[in-house]
PDB file of N, CA and C in Angstrom:
ATOM      1  N   MET A   1       4.669   4.640  -4.937  1.00  0.00           N
ATOM      2  CA  MET A   1       4.266   5.163  -3.663  1.00  0.00           C
ATOM      3  C   MET A   1       4.106   3.994  -2.702  1.00  0.00           C
ATOM      4  N   THR A   2       4.531   4.177  -1.492  1.00  0.00           N
ATOM      5  CA  THR A   2       4.299   3.192  -0.446  1.00  0.00           C
ATOM      6  C   THR A   2       3.215   3.737   0.468  1.00  0.00           C
ATOM      7  N   ARG A   3       2.155   2.990   0.631  1.00  0.00           N
ATOM      8  CA  ARG A   3       1.044   3.394   1.494  1.00  0.00           C
ATOM      9  C   ARG A   3       1.184   2.628   2.792  1.00  0.00           C
ATOM     10  N   VAL A   4       1.720   3.299   3.815  1.00  0.00           N
ATOM     11  CA  VAL A   4       1.974   2.687   5.116  1.00  0.00           C
ATOM     12  C   VAL A   4       0.674   2.664   5.913  1.00  0.00           C
ATOM     13  N   GLY A   5       0.342   1.513   6.467  1.00  0.00           N
ATOM     14  CA  GLY A   5      -0.921   1.373   7.181  1.00  0.00           C
ATOM     15  C   GLY A   5      -2.072   1.355   6.198  1.00  0.00           C
ATOM     16  N   SER A   6      -1.947   0.544   5.158  1.00  0.00           N
ATOM     17  CA  SER A   6      -2.904   0.569   4.049  1.00  0.00           C
ATOM     18  C   SER A   6      -4.282   0.034   4.408  1.00  0.00           C
ATOM     19  N   GLY A   7      -4.397  -0.713   5.489  1.00  0.00           N
ATOM     20  CA  GLY A   7      -5.711  -1.187   5.921  1.00  0.00           C
ATOM     21  C   GLY A   7      -6.461  -1.913   4.824  1.00  0.00           C
ATOM     22  N   THR A   8      -7.706  -1.505   4.586  1.00  0.00           N
ATOM     23  CA  THR A   8      -8.578  -2.182   3.618  1.00  0.00           C
ATOM     24  C   THR A   8      -8.285  -1.816   2.176  1.00  0.00           C
ATOM     25  N   GLY A   9      -7.411  -0.856   1.948  1.00  0.00           N
ATOM     26  CA  GLY A   9      -7.054  -0.466   0.590  1.00  0.00           C
ATOM     27  C   GLY A   9      -7.886   0.656   0.004  1.00  0.00           C
ATOM     28  N   ALA A  10      -8.790   1.243   0.779  1.00  0.00           N
ATOM     29  CA  ALA A  10      -9.668   2.296   0.260  1.00  0.00           C
ATOM     30  C   ALA A  10      -8.880   3.500  -0.248  1.00  0.00           C
ATOM     31  N   LEU A  11      -7.916   3.979   0.521  1.00  0.00           N
ATOM     32  CA  LEU A  11      -7.128   5.130   0.071  1.00  0.00           C
ATOM     33  C   LEU A  11      -6.132   4.747  -1.012  1.00  0.00           C
ATOM     34  N   THR A  12      -5.699   3.511  -0.989  1.00  0.00           N
ATOM     35  CA  THR A  12      -4.833   3.020  -2.065  1.00  0.00           C
ATOM     36  C   THR A  12      -5.594   3.055  -3.385  1.00  0.00           C
ATOM     37  N   ARG A  13      -6.836   2.625  -3.363  1.00  0.00           N
ATOM     38  CA  ARG A  13      -7.675   2.658  -4.553  1.00  0.00           C
ATOM     39  C   ARG A  13      -7.831   4.089  -5.058  1.00  0.00           C
ATOM     40  N   ALA A  14      -8.006   5.042  -4.163  1.00  0.00           N
ATOM     41  CA  ALA A  14      -8.146   6.444  -4.553  1.00  0.00           C
ATOM     42  C   ALA A  14      -6.864   6.972  -5.193  1.00  0.00           C
ATOM     43  N   ALA A  15      -5.712   6.509  -4.726  1.00  0.00           N
ATOM     44  CA  ALA A  15      -4.428   6.960  -5.282  1.00  0.00           C
ATOM     45  C   ALA A  15      -4.259   6.540  -6.738  1.00  0.00           C
ATOM     46  N   LEU A  16      -4.996   5.530  -7.164  1.00  0.00           N
ATOM     47  CA  LEU A  16      -4.883   5.043  -8.543  1.00  0.00           C
ATOM     48  C   LEU A  16      -5.408   6.041  -9.564  1.00  0.00           C
ATOM     49  N   ASP A  17      -6.060   7.112  -9.111  1.00  0.00           N
ATOM     50  CA  ASP A  17      -6.506   8.169 -10.013  1.00  0.00           C
ATOM     51  C   ASP A  17      -5.330   9.002 -10.537  1.00  0.00           C
ATOM     52  N   VAL A  18      -4.186   8.910  -9.887  1.00  0.00           N
ATOM     53  CA  VAL A  18      -2.999   9.654 -10.311  1.00  0.00           C
ATOM     54  C   VAL A  18      -2.362   8.911 -11.490  1.00  0.00           C
ATOM     55  N   PRO A  19      -2.204   9.575 -12.623  1.00  0.00           N
ATOM     56  CA  PRO A  19      -1.617   8.914 -13.794  1.00  0.00           C
ATOM     57  C   PRO A  19      -0.222   8.356 -13.506  1.00  0.00           C
ATOM     58  N   GLY A  20      -0.008   7.107 -13.914  1.00  0.00           N
ATOM     59  CA  GLY A  20       1.305   6.485 -13.804  1.00  0.00           C
ATOM     60  C   GLY A  20       1.699   5.992 -12.427  1.00  0.00           C
ATOM     61  N   VAL A  21       0.823   6.128 -11.449  1.00  0.00           N
ATOM     62  CA  VAL A  21       1.178   5.728 -10.084  1.00  0.00           C
ATOM     63  C   VAL A  21       1.207   4.206  -9.957  1.00  0.00           C
ATOM     64  N   ARG A  22       2.138   3.735  -9.130  1.00  0.00           N
ATOM     65  CA  ARG A  22       2.186   2.338  -8.696  1.00  0.00           C
ATOM     66  C   ARG A  22       2.229   2.407  -7.173  1.00  0.00           C
ATOM     67  N   VAL A  23       1.470   1.541  -6.521  1.00  0.00           N
ATOM     68  CA  VAL A  23       1.331   1.625  -5.072  1.00  0.00           C
ATOM     69  C   VAL A  23       1.655   0.289  -4.428  1.00  0.00           C
ATOM     70  N   THR A  24       2.429   0.353  -3.353  1.00  0.00           N
ATOM     71  CA  THR A  24       2.635  -0.797  -2.483  1.00  0.00           C
ATOM     72  C   THR A  24       1.964  -0.466  -1.161  1.00  0.00           C
ATOM     73  N   GLY A  25       0.929  -1.226  -0.821  1.00  0.00           N
ATOM     74  CA  GLY A  25       0.250  -1.049   0.459  1.00  0.00           C
ATOM     75  C   GLY A  25       0.882  -1.964   1.497  1.00  0.00           C
ATOM     76  N   VAL A  26       1.192  -1.401   2.647  1.00  0.00           N
ATOM     77  CA  VAL A  26       1.850  -2.156   3.722  1.00  0.00           C
ATOM     78  C   VAL A  26       0.985  -2.083   4.971  1.00  0.00           C
ATOM     79  N   ASP A  27       0.742  -3.223   5.585  1.00  0.00           N
ATOM     80  CA  ASP A  27      -0.018  -3.256   6.835  1.00  0.00           C
ATOM     81  C   ASP A  27       0.419  -4.481   7.632  1.00  0.00           C
ATOM     82  N   PRO A  28       0.434  -4.375   8.972  1.00  0.00           N
ATOM     83  CA  PRO A  28       0.837  -5.519   9.790  1.00  0.00           C
ATOM     84  C   PRO A  28      -0.312  -6.479  10.104  1.00  0.00           C
ATOM     85  N   ALA A  29      -1.532  -6.140   9.687  1.00  0.00           N
ATOM     86  CA  ALA A  29      -2.696  -6.969  10.024  1.00  0.00           C
ATOM     87  C   ALA A  29      -3.084  -7.865   8.847  1.00  0.00           C
ATOM     88  N   PRO A  30      -2.964  -9.172   9.010  1.00  0.00           N
ATOM     89  CA  PRO A  30      -3.269 -10.097   7.910  1.00  0.00           C
ATOM     90  C   PRO A  30      -4.691  -9.952   7.366  1.00  0.00           C
ATOM     91  N   HIS A  31      -5.672  -9.696   8.228  1.00  0.00           N
ATOM     92  CA  HIS A  31      -7.049  -9.599   7.749  1.00  0.00           C
ATOM     93  C   HIS A  31      -7.249  -8.366   6.867  1.00  0.00           C
ATOM     94  N   TYR A  32      -6.535  -7.272   7.144  1.00  0.00           N
ATOM     95  CA  TYR A  32      -6.609  -6.095   6.272  1.00  0.00           C
ATOM     96  C   TYR A  32      -5.961  -6.372   4.916  1.00  0.00           C
ATOM     97  N   ILE A  33      -4.809  -7.009   4.937  1.00  0.00           N
ATOM     98  CA  ILE A  33      -4.126  -7.329   3.680  1.00  0.00           C
ATOM     99  C   ILE A  33      -4.993  -8.261   2.831  1.00  0.00           C
ATOM    100  N   ASP A  34      -5.575  -9.273   3.439  1.00  0.00           N
ATOM    101  CA  ASP A  34      -6.453 -10.183   2.698  1.00  0.00           C
ATOM    102  C   ASP A  34      -7.638  -9.441   2.089  1.00  0.00           C
ATOM    103  N   TYR A  35      -8.260  -8.572   2.880  1.00  0.00           N
ATOM    104  CA  TYR A  35      -9.408  -7.806   2.384  1.00  0.00           C
ATOM    105  C   TYR A  35      -8.992  -6.915   1.217  1.00  0.00           C
ATOM    106  N   ALA A  36      -7.889  -6.199   1.380  1.00  0.00           N
ATOM    107  CA  ALA A  36      -7.422  -5.291   0.329  1.00  0.00           C
ATOM    108  C   ALA A  36      -7.113  -6.056  -0.960  1.00  0.00           C
ATOM    109  N   ARG A  37      -6.443  -7.177  -0.841  1.00  0.00           N
ATOM    110  CA  ARG A  37      -6.136  -7.991  -2.030  1.00  0.00           C
ATOM    111  C   ARG A  37      -7.401  -8.466  -2.734  1.00  0.00           C
ATOM    112  N   ASP A  38      -8.428  -8.763  -1.965  1.00  0.00           N
ATOM    113  CA  ASP A  38      -9.687  -9.224  -2.545  1.00  0.00           C
ATOM    114  C   ASP A  38     -10.504  -8.101  -3.184  1.00  0.00           C
ATOM    115  N   HIS A  39     -10.293  -6.849  -2.744  1.00  0.00           N
ATOM    116  CA  HIS A  39     -11.148  -5.750  -3.181  1.00  0.00           C
ATOM    117  C   HIS A  39     -10.475  -4.698  -4.060  1.00  0.00           C
ATOM    118  N   VAL A  40      -9.180  -4.737  -4.183  1.00  0.00           N
ATOM    119  CA  VAL A  40      -8.478  -3.793  -5.065  1.00  0.00           C
ATOM    120  C   VAL A  40      -7.760  -4.629  -6.117  1.00  0.00           C
ATOM    121  N   ASP A  41      -8.374  -4.719  -7.276  1.00  0.00           N
ATOM    122  CA  ASP A  41      -7.855  -5.550  -8.356  1.00  0.00           C
ATOM    123  C   ASP A  41      -7.259  -4.653  -9.432  1.00  0.00           C
ATOM    124  N   ASP A  42      -5.983  -4.380  -9.312  1.00  0.00           N
ATOM    125  CA  ASP A  42      -5.301  -3.505 -10.262  1.00  0.00           C
ATOM    126  C   ASP A  42      -3.829  -3.910 -10.308  1.00  0.00           C
ATOM    127  N   ALA A  43      -3.294  -4.064 -11.494  1.00  0.00           N
ATOM    128  CA  ALA A  43      -1.904  -4.512 -11.654  1.00  0.00           C
ATOM    129  C   ALA A  43      -0.896  -3.508 -11.103  1.00  0.00           C
ATOM    130  N   ARG A  44      -1.315  -2.275 -10.865  1.00  0.00           N
ATOM    131  CA  ARG A  44      -0.399  -1.251 -10.354  1.00  0.00           C
ATOM    132  C   ARG A  44      -0.279  -1.283  -8.834  1.00  0.00           C
ATOM    133  N   VAL A  45      -0.972  -2.219  -8.184  1.00  0.00           N
ATOM    134  CA  VAL A  45      -1.008  -2.277  -6.719  1.00  0.00           C
ATOM    135  C   VAL A  45      -0.540  -3.632  -6.231  1.00  0.00           C
ATOM    136  N   ARG A  46       0.212  -3.607  -5.149  1.00  0.00           N
ATOM    137  CA  ARG A  46       0.506  -4.849  -4.422  1.00  0.00           C
ATOM    138  C   ARG A  46       0.358  -4.537  -2.943  1.00  0.00           C
ATOM    139  N   PHE A  47      -0.060  -5.525  -2.185  1.00  0.00           N
ATOM    140  CA  PHE A  47      -0.220  -5.383  -0.743  1.00  0.00           C
ATOM    141  C   PHE A  47       0.737  -6.338  -0.052  1.00  0.00           C
ATOM    142  N   VAL A  48       1.450  -5.814   0.944  1.00  0.00           N
ATOM    143  CA  VAL A  48       2.490  -6.569   1.631  1.00  0.00           C
ATOM    144  C   VAL A  48       2.188  -6.597   3.124  1.00  0.00           C
ATOM    145  N   LEU A  49       2.227  -7.785   3.690  1.00  0.00           N
ATOM    146  CA  LEU A  49       2.078  -7.944   5.133  1.00  0.00           C
ATOM    147  C   LEU A  49       3.429  -7.633   5.766  1.00  0.00           C
ATOM    148  N   ALA A  50       3.520  -6.513   6.460  1.00  0.00           N
ATOM    149  CA  ALA A  50       4.797  -6.102   7.054  1.00  0.00           C
ATOM    150  C   ALA A  50       4.583  -5.001   8.077  1.00  0.00           C
ATOM    151  N   ASP A  51       5.554  -4.851   8.921  1.00  0.00           N
ATOM    152  CA  ASP A  51       5.613  -3.751   9.878  1.00  0.00           C
ATOM    153  C   ASP A  51       6.402  -2.629   9.217  1.00  0.00           C
ATOM    154  N   ALA A  52       5.885  -1.435   9.225  1.00  0.00           N
ATOM    155  CA  ALA A  52       6.530  -0.303   8.557  1.00  0.00           C
ATOM    156  C   ALA A  52       7.937  -0.030   9.086  1.00  0.00           C
ATOM    157  N   GLN A  53       8.209  -0.437  10.308  1.00  0.00           N
ATOM    158  CA  GLN A  53       9.531  -0.184  10.888  1.00  0.00           C
ATOM    159  C   GLN A  53      10.594  -1.147  10.369  1.00  0.00           C
ATOM    160  N   THR A  54      10.167  -2.192   9.688  1.00  0.00           N
ATOM    161  CA  THR A  54      11.133  -3.186   9.221  1.00  0.00           C
ATOM    162  C   THR A  54      11.011  -3.438   7.716  1.00  0.00           C
ATOM    163  N   LEU A  55      10.598  -2.434   6.965  1.00  0.00           N
ATOM    164  CA  LEU A  55      10.459  -2.599   5.517  1.00  0.00           C
ATOM    165  C   LEU A  55      11.807  -2.879   4.876  1.00  0.00           C
ATOM    166  N   ALA A  56      11.800  -3.757   3.912  1.00  0.00           N
ATOM    167  CA  ALA A  56      13.043  -4.136   3.236  1.00  0.00           C
ATOM    168  C   ALA A  56      12.986  -3.773   1.755  1.00  0.00           C
ATOM    169  N   PHE A  57      12.416  -2.611   1.423  1.00  0.00           N
ATOM    170  CA  PHE A  57      12.342  -2.179   0.039  1.00  0.00           C
ATOM    171  C   PHE A  57      13.603  -1.419  -0.328  1.00  0.00           C
ATOM    172  N   PRO A  58      14.075  -1.563  -1.549  1.00  0.00           N
ATOM    173  CA  PRO A  58      15.228  -0.761  -1.986  1.00  0.00           C
ATOM    174  C   PRO A  58      14.848   0.715  -2.024  1.00  0.00           C
ATOM    175  N   ALA A  59      15.730   1.562  -1.557  1.00  0.00           N
ATOM    176  CA  ALA A  59      15.453   2.999  -1.469  1.00  0.00           C
ATOM    177  C   ALA A  59      15.086   3.599  -2.819  1.00  0.00           C
ATOM    178  N   ALA A  60      15.701   3.159  -3.878  1.00  0.00           N
ATOM    179  CA  ALA A  60      15.434   3.731  -5.198  1.00  0.00           C
ATOM    180  C   ALA A  60      14.066   3.331  -5.735  1.00  0.00           C
ATOM    181  N   GLY A  61      13.472   2.284  -5.188  1.00  0.00           N
ATOM    182  CA  GLY A  61      12.211   1.790  -5.718  1.00  0.00           C
ATOM    183  C   GLY A  61      10.982   2.498  -5.181  1.00  0.00           C
ATOM    184  N   HIS A  62      11.101   3.260  -4.109  1.00  0.00           N
ATOM    185  CA  HIS A  62       9.960   3.902  -3.494  1.00  0.00           C
ATOM    186  C   HIS A  62      10.319   5.337  -3.136  1.00  0.00           C
ATOM    187  N   ARG A  63       9.790   6.222  -3.934  1.00  0.00           N
ATOM    188  CA  ARG A  63      10.110   7.638  -3.775  1.00  0.00           C
ATOM    189  C   ARG A  63       9.236   8.317  -2.733  1.00  0.00           C
ATOM    190  N   ASP A  64       7.986   7.877  -2.607  1.00  0.00           N
ATOM    191  CA  ASP A  64       7.034   8.519  -1.715  1.00  0.00           C
ATOM    192  C   ASP A  64       6.443   7.509  -0.742  1.00  0.00           C
ATOM    193  N   ALA A  65       6.236   7.935   0.487  1.00  0.00           N
ATOM    194  CA  ALA A  65       5.535   7.112   1.469  1.00  0.00           C
ATOM    195  C   ALA A  65       4.406   7.957   2.038  1.00  0.00           C
ATOM    196  N   VAL A  66       3.248   7.321   2.257  1.00  0.00           N
ATOM    197  CA  VAL A  66       2.084   8.028   2.729  1.00  0.00           C
ATOM    198  C   VAL A  66       1.513   7.292   3.937  1.00  0.00           C
ATOM    199  N   HIS A  67       1.217   8.053   4.978  1.00  0.00           N
ATOM    200  CA  HIS A  67       0.514   7.499   6.128  1.00  0.00           C
ATOM    201  C   HIS A  67      -0.388   8.597   6.666  1.00  0.00           C
ATOM    202  N   LEU A  68      -1.653   8.300   6.817  1.00  0.00           N
ATOM    203  CA  LEU A  68      -2.607   9.279   7.313  1.00  0.00           C
ATOM    204  C   LEU A  68      -3.012   8.912   8.731  1.00  0.00           C
ATOM    205  N   ILE A  69      -3.074   9.888   9.596  1.00  0.00           N
ATOM    206  CA  ILE A  69      -3.495   9.690  10.976  1.00  0.00           C
ATOM    207  C   ILE A  69      -4.733  10.537  11.209  1.00  0.00           C
ATOM    208  N   ARG A  70      -5.726   9.927  11.783  1.00  0.00           N
ATOM    209  CA  ARG A  70      -6.896  10.751  12.124  1.00  0.00           C
ATOM    210  C   ARG A  70      -7.161  10.697  13.577  1.00  0.00           C
TER     211      ARG A  70
END
């Protein structure tokens, strides 16, 4: 799963309750990525500093993308 706009990683952490999930959190803000990396310690997660409009992930590697707007 790709978590677009992952911010602090709070929702990424919640997604880890799904069996077998692997998550890539993407955010353009370095301070959010740093915070998330420091607070979500799980081998199934990686956080990437990037703009969602310019992601360079292989299509076959990411089946789902999630972005929540409030």
